[in-house]
mmCIF file of all heavy atoms, coordinates in Angstrom:
data_MODEL
# 
_entry.id   MODEL 
# 
loop_
_atom_site.group_PDB 
_atom_site.id 
_atom_site.type_symbol 
_atom_site.label_atom_id 
_atom_site.label_alt_id 
_atom_site.label_comp_id 
_atom_site.label_asym_id 
_atom_site.label_entity_id 
_atom_site.label_seq_id 
_atom_site.pdbx_PDB_ins_code 
_atom_site.Cartn_x 
_atom_site.Cartn_y 
_atom_site.Cartn_z 
_atom_site.occupancy 
_atom_site.B_iso_or_equiv 
_atom_site.pdbx_formal_charge 
_atom_site.auth_seq_id 
_atom_site.auth_comp_id 
_atom_site.auth_asym_id 
_atom_site.auth_atom_id 
_atom_site.pdbx_PDB_model_num 
ATOM 1   N N   . GLU A 1 1  ? -2.757  6.497  3.720  1.00 0.00 ? 1  GLU A N   1 
ATOM 2   C CA  . GLU A 1 1  ? -1.724  7.119  4.367  1.00 0.00 ? 1  GLU A CA  1 
ATOM 3   C C   . GLU A 1 1  ? -2.029  8.518  4.935  1.00 0.00 ? 1  GLU A C   1 
ATOM 4   O O   . GLU A 1 1  ? -1.922  8.923  6.082  1.00 0.00 ? 1  GLU A O   1 
ATOM 5   C CB  . GLU A 1 1  ? -0.457  7.256  3.668  1.00 0.00 ? 1  GLU A CB  1 
ATOM 6   C CG  . GLU A 1 1  ? 0.837   7.889  4.194  1.00 0.00 ? 1  GLU A CG  1 
ATOM 7   C CD  . GLU A 1 1  ? 1.511   6.964  5.098  1.00 0.00 ? 1  GLU A CD  1 
ATOM 8   O OE1 . GLU A 1 1  ? 2.387   6.085  4.674  1.00 0.00 ? 1  GLU A OE1 1 
ATOM 9   O OE2 . GLU A 1 1  ? 1.215   6.975  6.344  1.00 0.00 ? 1  GLU A OE2 1 
ATOM 10  N N   . LEU A 1 2  ? -2.594  9.346  3.948  1.00 0.00 ? 2  LEU A N   1 
ATOM 11  C CA  . LEU A 1 2  ? -3.014  10.646 4.391  1.00 0.00 ? 2  LEU A CA  1 
ATOM 12  C C   . LEU A 1 2  ? -4.119  10.698 5.367  1.00 0.00 ? 2  LEU A C   1 
ATOM 13  O O   . LEU A 1 2  ? -4.138  11.439 6.338  1.00 0.00 ? 2  LEU A O   1 
ATOM 14  C CB  . LEU A 1 2  ? -3.381  11.496 3.137  1.00 0.00 ? 2  LEU A CB  1 
ATOM 15  C CG  . LEU A 1 2  ? -3.637  13.060 3.391  1.00 0.00 ? 2  LEU A CG  1 
ATOM 16  C CD1 . LEU A 1 2  ? -2.522  13.753 3.970  1.00 0.00 ? 2  LEU A CD1 1 
ATOM 17  C CD2 . LEU A 1 2  ? -4.090  13.605 2.114  1.00 0.00 ? 2  LEU A CD2 1 
ATOM 18  N N   . SER A 1 3  ? -5.014  9.712  5.216  1.00 0.00 ? 3  SER A N   1 
ATOM 19  C CA  . SER A 1 3  ? -6.194  9.512  6.178  1.00 0.00 ? 3  SER A CA  1 
ATOM 20  C C   . SER A 1 3  ? -5.724  9.330  7.628  1.00 0.00 ? 3  SER A C   1 
ATOM 21  O O   . SER A 1 3  ? -6.129  9.905  8.533  1.00 0.00 ? 3  SER A O   1 
ATOM 22  C CB  . SER A 1 3  ? -7.089  8.544  5.676  1.00 0.00 ? 3  SER A CB  1 
ATOM 23  O OG  . SER A 1 3  ? -7.656  8.793  4.358  1.00 0.00 ? 3  SER A OG  1 
ATOM 24  N N   . ARG A 1 4  ? -4.765  8.469  7.595  1.00 0.00 ? 4  ARG A N   1 
ATOM 25  C CA  . ARG A 1 4  ? -4.173  7.943  8.981  1.00 0.00 ? 4  ARG A CA  1 
ATOM 26  C C   . ARG A 1 4  ? -3.307  8.961  9.651  1.00 0.00 ? 4  ARG A C   1 
ATOM 27  O O   . ARG A 1 4  ? -3.227  8.998  10.884 1.00 0.00 ? 4  ARG A O   1 
ATOM 28  C CB  . ARG A 1 4  ? -3.564  6.600  8.779  1.00 0.00 ? 4  ARG A CB  1 
ATOM 29  C CG  . ARG A 1 4  ? -4.593  5.408  8.494  1.00 0.00 ? 4  ARG A CG  1 
ATOM 30  C CD  . ARG A 1 4  ? -5.383  5.143  9.645  1.00 0.00 ? 4  ARG A CD  1 
ATOM 31  N NE  . ARG A 1 4  ? -6.428  4.119  9.226  1.00 0.00 ? 4  ARG A NE  1 
ATOM 32  C CZ  . ARG A 1 4  ? -6.300  2.836  9.199  1.00 0.00 ? 4  ARG A CZ  1 
ATOM 33  N NH1 . ARG A 1 4  ? -5.124  2.186  9.625  1.00 0.00 ? 4  ARG A NH1 1 
ATOM 34  N NH2 . ARG A 1 4  ? -7.249  1.975  8.974  1.00 0.00 ? 4  ARG A NH2 1 
ATOM 35  N N   . THR A 1 5  ? -2.457  9.613  8.831  1.00 0.00 ? 5  THR A N   1 
ATOM 36  C CA  . THR A 1 5  ? -1.475  10.450 9.372  1.00 0.00 ? 5  THR A CA  1 
ATOM 37  C C   . THR A 1 5  ? -1.873  11.905 9.647  1.00 0.00 ? 5  THR A C   1 
ATOM 38  O O   . THR A 1 5  ? -1.403  12.602 10.579 1.00 0.00 ? 5  THR A O   1 
ATOM 39  C CB  . THR A 1 5  ? -0.156  10.559 8.490  1.00 0.00 ? 5  THR A CB  1 
ATOM 40  O OG1 . THR A 1 5  ? -0.498  11.049 7.221  1.00 0.00 ? 5  THR A OG1 1 
ATOM 41  C CG2 . THR A 1 5  ? 0.517   9.199  8.442  1.00 0.00 ? 5  THR A CG2 1 
ATOM 42  N N   . GLU A 1 6  ? -2.782  12.463 8.869  1.00 0.00 ? 6  GLU A N   1 
ATOM 43  C CA  . GLU A 1 6  ? -3.322  13.861 9.028  1.00 0.00 ? 6  GLU A CA  1 
ATOM 44  C C   . GLU A 1 6  ? -4.731  14.006 9.265  1.00 0.00 ? 6  GLU A C   1 
ATOM 45  O O   . GLU A 1 6  ? -5.243  15.153 9.368  1.00 0.00 ? 6  GLU A O   1 
ATOM 46  C CB  . GLU A 1 6  ? -2.959  14.581 7.679  1.00 0.00 ? 6  GLU A CB  1 
ATOM 47  C CG  . GLU A 1 6  ? -1.382  14.690 7.567  1.00 0.00 ? 6  GLU A CG  1 
ATOM 48  C CD  . GLU A 1 6  ? -0.619  15.699 8.537  1.00 0.00 ? 6  GLU A CD  1 
ATOM 49  O OE1 . GLU A 1 6  ? -1.418  16.357 9.188  1.00 0.00 ? 6  GLU A OE1 1 
ATOM 50  O OE2 . GLU A 1 6  ? 0.586   15.494 8.618  1.00 0.00 ? 6  GLU A OE2 1 
ATOM 51  N N   . GLY A 1 7  ? -5.566  12.825 9.261  1.00 0.00 ? 7  GLY A N   1 
ATOM 52  C CA  . GLY A 1 7  ? -6.950  13.077 9.442  1.00 0.00 ? 7  GLY A CA  1 
ATOM 53  C C   . GLY A 1 7  ? -7.662  13.671 8.258  1.00 0.00 ? 7  GLY A C   1 
ATOM 54  O O   . GLY A 1 7  ? -8.674  14.403 8.426  1.00 0.00 ? 7  GLY A O   1 
ATOM 55  N N   . ILE A 1 8  ? -7.094  13.651 7.153  1.00 0.00 ? 8  ILE A N   1 
ATOM 56  C CA  . ILE A 1 8  ? -7.621  14.200 5.902  1.00 0.00 ? 8  ILE A CA  1 
ATOM 57  C C   . ILE A 1 8  ? -7.859  13.021 4.873  1.00 0.00 ? 8  ILE A C   1 
ATOM 58  O O   . ILE A 1 8  ? -6.893  12.395 4.404  1.00 0.00 ? 8  ILE A O   1 
ATOM 59  C CB  . ILE A 1 8  ? -6.638  15.177 5.182  1.00 0.00 ? 8  ILE A CB  1 
ATOM 60  C CG1 . ILE A 1 8  ? -6.376  16.362 6.206  1.00 0.00 ? 8  ILE A CG1 1 
ATOM 61  C CG2 . ILE A 1 8  ? -7.231  15.841 3.961  1.00 0.00 ? 8  ILE A CG2 1 
ATOM 62  C CD1 . ILE A 1 8  ? -5.338  17.329 5.734  1.00 0.00 ? 8  ILE A CD1 1 
ATOM 63  N N   . ILE A 1 9  ? -9.148  12.807 4.533  1.00 0.00 ? 9  ILE A N   1 
ATOM 64  C CA  . ILE A 1 9  ? -9.434  11.777 3.413  1.00 0.00 ? 9  ILE A CA  1 
ATOM 65  C C   . ILE A 1 9  ? -9.488  12.552 2.099  1.00 0.00 ? 9  ILE A C   1 
ATOM 66  O O   . ILE A 1 9  ? -10.343 13.372 1.847  1.00 0.00 ? 9  ILE A O   1 
ATOM 67  C CB  . ILE A 1 9  ? -10.784 11.127 3.790  1.00 0.00 ? 9  ILE A CB  1 
ATOM 68  C CG1 . ILE A 1 9  ? -10.736 10.495 5.241  1.00 0.00 ? 9  ILE A CG1 1 
ATOM 69  C CG2 . ILE A 1 9  ? -11.004 10.036 2.672  1.00 0.00 ? 9  ILE A CG2 1 
ATOM 70  C CD1 . ILE A 1 9  ? -12.128 9.926  5.589  1.00 0.00 ? 9  ILE A CD1 1 
ATOM 71  N N   . PRO A 1 10 ? -8.479  12.365 1.268  1.00 0.00 ? 10 PRO A N   1 
ATOM 72  C CA  . PRO A 1 10 ? -8.549  12.924 -0.025 1.00 0.00 ? 10 PRO A CA  1 
ATOM 73  C C   . PRO A 1 10 ? -9.348  12.270 -1.060 1.00 0.00 ? 10 PRO A C   1 
ATOM 74  O O   . PRO A 1 10 ? -9.688  11.053 -1.024 1.00 0.00 ? 10 PRO A O   1 
ATOM 75  C CB  . PRO A 1 10 ? -6.998  12.888 -0.438 1.00 0.00 ? 10 PRO A CB  1 
ATOM 76  C CG  . PRO A 1 10 ? -6.575  11.462 0.121  1.00 0.00 ? 10 PRO A CG  1 
ATOM 77  C CD  . PRO A 1 10 ? -7.357  11.252 1.366  1.00 0.00 ? 10 PRO A CD  1 
ATOM 78  N N   . ALA A 1 11 ? -9.726  13.019 -2.108 1.00 0.00 ? 11 ALA A N   1 
ATOM 79  C CA  . ALA A 1 11 ? -10.313 12.380 -3.185 1.00 0.00 ? 11 ALA A CA  1 
ATOM 80  C C   . ALA A 1 11 ? -9.338  11.552 -3.952 1.00 0.00 ? 11 ALA A C   1 
ATOM 81  O O   . ALA A 1 11 ? -8.157  11.718 -3.842 1.00 0.00 ? 11 ALA A O   1 
ATOM 82  C CB  . ALA A 1 11 ? -10.785 13.410 -4.252 1.00 0.00 ? 11 ALA A CB  1 
ATOM 83  N N   . LEU A 1 12 ? -9.905  10.472 -4.545 1.00 0.00 ? 12 LEU A N   1 
ATOM 84  C CA  . LEU A 1 12 ? -8.954  9.530  -5.205 1.00 0.00 ? 12 LEU A CA  1 
ATOM 85  C C   . LEU A 1 12 ? -8.178  10.218 -6.245 1.00 0.00 ? 12 LEU A C   1 
ATOM 86  O O   . LEU A 1 12 ? -7.020  9.894  -6.556 1.00 0.00 ? 12 LEU A O   1 
ATOM 87  C CB  . LEU A 1 12 ? -9.752  8.370  -5.882 1.00 0.00 ? 12 LEU A CB  1 
ATOM 88  C CG  . LEU A 1 12 ? -10.340 7.340  -4.892 1.00 0.00 ? 12 LEU A CG  1 
ATOM 89  C CD1 . LEU A 1 12 ? -11.157 6.307  -5.653 1.00 0.00 ? 12 LEU A CD1 1 
ATOM 90  C CD2 . LEU A 1 12 ? -9.243  6.545  -4.158 1.00 0.00 ? 12 LEU A CD2 1 
ATOM 91  N N   . GLU A 1 13 ? -8.658  11.234 -6.910 1.00 0.00 ? 13 GLU A N   1 
ATOM 92  C CA  . GLU A 1 13 ? -7.904  11.915 -7.836 1.00 0.00 ? 13 GLU A CA  1 
ATOM 93  C C   . GLU A 1 13 ? -6.704  12.669 -7.209 1.00 0.00 ? 13 GLU A C   1 
ATOM 94  O O   . GLU A 1 13 ? -5.668  12.580 -7.602 1.00 0.00 ? 13 GLU A O   1 
ATOM 95  C CB  . GLU A 1 13 ? -8.806  13.227 -8.551 1.00 0.00 ? 13 GLU A CB  1 
ATOM 96  C CG  . GLU A 1 13 ? -9.914  12.570 -9.406 1.00 0.00 ? 13 GLU A CG  1 
ATOM 97  C CD  . GLU A 1 13 ? -11.111 12.095 -8.715 1.00 0.00 ? 13 GLU A CD  1 
ATOM 98  O OE1 . GLU A 1 13 ? -11.238 12.308 -7.473 1.00 0.00 ? 13 GLU A OE1 1 
ATOM 99  O OE2 . GLU A 1 13 ? -11.945 11.476 -9.424 1.00 0.00 ? 13 GLU A OE2 1 
ATOM 100 N N   . SER A 1 14 ? -6.990  13.328 -6.084 1.00 0.00 ? 14 SER A N   1 
ATOM 101 C CA  . SER A 1 14 ? -5.969  14.068 -5.357 1.00 0.00 ? 14 SER A CA  1 
ATOM 102 C C   . SER A 1 14 ? -4.943  13.157 -4.881 1.00 0.00 ? 14 SER A C   1 
ATOM 103 O O   . SER A 1 14 ? -3.735  13.420 -4.722 1.00 0.00 ? 14 SER A O   1 
ATOM 104 C CB  . SER A 1 14 ? -6.467  14.922 -4.284 1.00 0.00 ? 14 SER A CB  1 
ATOM 105 O OG  . SER A 1 14 ? -7.621  15.682 -4.565 1.00 0.00 ? 14 SER A OG  1 
ATOM 106 N N   . ALA A 1 15 ? -5.305  11.783 -4.469 1.00 0.00 ? 15 ALA A N   1 
ATOM 107 C CA  . ALA A 1 15 ? -4.503  10.931 -3.891 1.00 0.00 ? 15 ALA A CA  1 
ATOM 108 C C   . ALA A 1 15 ? -3.229  10.551 -4.856 1.00 0.00 ? 15 ALA A C   1 
ATOM 109 O O   . ALA A 1 15 ? -2.249  10.151 -4.466 1.00 0.00 ? 15 ALA A O   1 
ATOM 110 C CB  . ALA A 1 15 ? -5.139  9.634  -3.604 1.00 0.00 ? 15 ALA A CB  1 
ATOM 111 N N   . HIS A 1 16 ? -3.581  10.630 -6.129 1.00 0.00 ? 16 HIS A N   1 
ATOM 112 C CA  . HIS A 1 16 ? -2.505  10.501 -7.178 1.00 0.00 ? 16 HIS A CA  1 
ATOM 113 C C   . HIS A 1 16 ? -1.226  11.465 -6.930 1.00 0.00 ? 16 HIS A C   1 
ATOM 114 O O   . HIS A 1 16 ? -0.143  11.079 -6.942 1.00 0.00 ? 16 HIS A O   1 
ATOM 115 C CB  . HIS A 1 16 ? -3.026  10.603 -8.498 1.00 0.00 ? 16 HIS A CB  1 
ATOM 116 C CG  . HIS A 1 16 ? -3.709  9.382  -9.127 1.00 0.00 ? 16 HIS A CG  1 
ATOM 117 N ND1 . HIS A 1 16 ? -5.104  9.112  -8.494 1.00 0.00 ? 16 HIS A ND1 1 
ATOM 118 C CD2 . HIS A 1 16 ? -3.573  8.397  -9.951 1.00 0.00 ? 16 HIS A CD2 1 
ATOM 119 C CE1 . HIS A 1 16 ? -5.519  8.081  -9.160 1.00 0.00 ? 16 HIS A CE1 1 
ATOM 120 N NE2 . HIS A 1 16 ? -4.668  7.633  -9.962 1.00 0.00 ? 16 HIS A NE2 1 
ATOM 121 N N   . ALA A 1 17 ? -1.646  12.670 -6.606 1.00 0.00 ? 17 ALA A N   1 
ATOM 122 C CA  . ALA A 1 17 ? -0.678  13.667 -6.437 1.00 0.00 ? 17 ALA A CA  1 
ATOM 123 C C   . ALA A 1 17 ? -0.007  13.519 -5.109 1.00 0.00 ? 17 ALA A C   1 
ATOM 124 O O   . ALA A 1 17 ? 1.295   13.685 -4.945 1.00 0.00 ? 17 ALA A O   1 
ATOM 125 C CB  . ALA A 1 17 ? -1.290  15.166 -6.489 1.00 0.00 ? 17 ALA A CB  1 
ATOM 126 N N   . VAL A 1 18 ? -0.762  13.140 -4.016 1.00 0.00 ? 18 VAL A N   1 
ATOM 127 C CA  . VAL A 1 18 ? -0.183  12.879 -2.812 1.00 0.00 ? 18 VAL A CA  1 
ATOM 128 C C   . VAL A 1 18 ? 0.757   11.665 -2.813 1.00 0.00 ? 18 VAL A C   1 
ATOM 129 O O   . VAL A 1 18 ? 1.938   11.795 -2.323 1.00 0.00 ? 18 VAL A O   1 
ATOM 130 C CB  . VAL A 1 18 ? -1.312  12.468 -1.713 1.00 0.00 ? 18 VAL A CB  1 
ATOM 131 C CG1 . VAL A 1 18 ? -0.832  12.028 -0.408 1.00 0.00 ? 18 VAL A CG1 1 
ATOM 132 C CG2 . VAL A 1 18 ? -2.293  13.619 -1.551 1.00 0.00 ? 18 VAL A CG2 1 
ATOM 133 N N   . ALA A 1 19 ? 0.553   10.597 -3.630 1.00 0.00 ? 19 ALA A N   1 
ATOM 134 C CA  . ALA A 1 19 ? 1.351   9.594  -3.752 1.00 0.00 ? 19 ALA A CA  1 
ATOM 135 C C   . ALA A 1 19 ? 2.798   9.949  -4.314 1.00 0.00 ? 19 ALA A C   1 
ATOM 136 O O   . ALA A 1 19 ? 3.729   9.579  -3.823 1.00 0.00 ? 19 ALA A O   1 
ATOM 137 C CB  . ALA A 1 19 ? 0.662   8.515  -4.658 1.00 0.00 ? 19 ALA A CB  1 
ATOM 138 N N   . TYR A 1 20 ? 2.594   10.761 -5.346 1.00 0.00 ? 20 TYR A N   1 
ATOM 139 C CA  . TYR A 1 20 ? 3.928   11.103 -5.969 1.00 0.00 ? 20 TYR A CA  1 
ATOM 140 C C   . TYR A 1 20 ? 4.720   12.104 -5.033 1.00 0.00 ? 20 TYR A C   1 
ATOM 141 O O   . TYR A 1 20 ? 5.890   12.003 -4.972 1.00 0.00 ? 20 TYR A O   1 
ATOM 142 C CB  . TYR A 1 20 ? 3.720   11.899 -7.268 1.00 0.00 ? 20 TYR A CB  1 
ATOM 143 C CG  . TYR A 1 20 ? 5.004   12.079 -7.982 1.00 0.00 ? 20 TYR A CG  1 
ATOM 144 C CD1 . TYR A 1 20 ? 5.792   11.008 -8.636 1.00 0.00 ? 20 TYR A CD1 1 
ATOM 145 C CD2 . TYR A 1 20 ? 5.722   13.308 -7.928 1.00 0.00 ? 20 TYR A CD2 1 
ATOM 146 C CE1 . TYR A 1 20 ? 6.994   11.248 -9.189 1.00 0.00 ? 20 TYR A CE1 1 
ATOM 147 C CE2 . TYR A 1 20 ? 6.992   13.534 -8.495 1.00 0.00 ? 20 TYR A CE2 1 
ATOM 148 C CZ  . TYR A 1 20 ? 7.551   12.356 -9.096 1.00 0.00 ? 20 TYR A CZ  1 
ATOM 149 O OH  . TYR A 1 20 ? 8.820   12.637 -9.651 1.00 0.00 ? 20 TYR A OH  1 
ATOM 150 N N   . ALA A 1 21 ? 4.101   13.001 -4.383 1.00 0.00 ? 21 ALA A N   1 
ATOM 151 C CA  . ALA A 1 21 ? 4.716   13.831 -3.394 1.00 0.00 ? 21 ALA A CA  1 
ATOM 152 C C   . ALA A 1 21 ? 5.357   13.120 -2.286 1.00 0.00 ? 21 ALA A C   1 
ATOM 153 O O   . ALA A 1 21 ? 6.404   13.549 -1.892 1.00 0.00 ? 21 ALA A O   1 
ATOM 154 C CB  . ALA A 1 21 ? 3.641   14.858 -2.834 1.00 0.00 ? 21 ALA A CB  1 
ATOM 155 N N   . ILE A 1 22 ? 4.745   12.086 -1.818 1.00 0.00 ? 22 ILE A N   1 
ATOM 156 C CA  . ILE A 1 22 ? 5.398   11.269 -0.652 1.00 0.00 ? 22 ILE A CA  1 
ATOM 157 C C   . ILE A 1 22 ? 6.681   10.618 -1.259 1.00 0.00 ? 22 ILE A C   1 
ATOM 158 O O   . ILE A 1 22 ? 7.728   10.734 -0.482 1.00 0.00 ? 22 ILE A O   1 
ATOM 159 C CB  . ILE A 1 22 ? 4.410   10.207 -0.188 1.00 0.00 ? 22 ILE A CB  1 
ATOM 160 C CG1 . ILE A 1 22 ? 3.265   10.830 0.643  1.00 0.00 ? 22 ILE A CG1 1 
ATOM 161 C CG2 . ILE A 1 22 ? 5.107   9.147  0.669  1.00 0.00 ? 22 ILE A CG2 1 
ATOM 162 C CD1 . ILE A 1 22 ? 2.194   9.883  0.962  1.00 0.00 ? 22 ILE A CD1 1 
ATOM 163 N N   . LYS A 1 23 ? 6.618   10.051 -2.532 1.00 0.00 ? 23 LYS A N   1 
ATOM 164 C CA  . LYS A 1 23 ? 7.823   9.454  -3.204 1.00 0.00 ? 23 LYS A CA  1 
ATOM 165 C C   . LYS A 1 23 ? 8.937   10.517 -3.279 1.00 0.00 ? 23 LYS A C   1 
ATOM 166 O O   . LYS A 1 23 ? 10.053  10.262 -2.940 1.00 0.00 ? 23 LYS A O   1 
ATOM 167 C CB  . LYS A 1 23 ? 7.361   8.946  -4.437 1.00 0.00 ? 23 LYS A CB  1 
ATOM 168 C CG  . LYS A 1 23 ? 8.473   8.010  -5.069 1.00 0.00 ? 23 LYS A CG  1 
ATOM 169 C CD  . LYS A 1 23 ? 8.028   7.633  -6.473 1.00 0.00 ? 23 LYS A CD  1 
ATOM 170 C CE  . LYS A 1 23 ? 6.686   6.949  -6.593 1.00 0.00 ? 23 LYS A CE  1 
ATOM 171 N NZ  . LYS A 1 23 ? 6.358   6.528  -7.819 1.00 0.00 ? 23 LYS A NZ  1 
ATOM 172 N N   . LEU A 1 24 ? 8.458   11.683 -3.727 1.00 0.00 ? 24 LEU A N   1 
ATOM 173 C CA  . LEU A 1 24 ? 9.388   12.812 -4.037 1.00 0.00 ? 24 LEU A CA  1 
ATOM 174 C C   . LEU A 1 24 ? 10.039  13.303 -2.769 1.00 0.00 ? 24 LEU A C   1 
ATOM 175 O O   . LEU A 1 24 ? 11.374  13.589 -2.643 1.00 0.00 ? 24 LEU A O   1 
ATOM 176 C CB  . LEU A 1 24 ? 8.754   13.932 -4.783 1.00 0.00 ? 24 LEU A CB  1 
ATOM 177 C CG  . LEU A 1 24 ? 9.515   15.093 -5.090 1.00 0.00 ? 24 LEU A CG  1 
ATOM 178 C CD1 . LEU A 1 24 ? 10.747  14.880 -6.062 1.00 0.00 ? 24 LEU A CD1 1 
ATOM 179 C CD2 . LEU A 1 24 ? 8.662   16.290 -5.718 1.00 0.00 ? 24 LEU A CD2 1 
ATOM 180 N N   . ALA A 1 25 ? 9.283   13.607 -1.693 1.00 0.00 ? 25 ALA A N   1 
ATOM 181 C CA  . ALA A 1 25 ? 9.672   14.135 -0.463 1.00 0.00 ? 25 ALA A CA  1 
ATOM 182 C C   . ALA A 1 25 ? 10.763  13.193 0.196  1.00 0.00 ? 25 ALA A C   1 
ATOM 183 O O   . ALA A 1 25 ? 11.827  13.767 0.778  1.00 0.00 ? 25 ALA A O   1 
ATOM 184 C CB  . ALA A 1 25 ? 8.529   14.384 0.433  1.00 0.00 ? 25 ALA A CB  1 
# 
């Protein structure tokens, strides 16, 4: 999701935080 919407490929570690932030937001 982050790769496609913002052009930012996150580390798999960071993607855990991104996943929860999307749910929370």
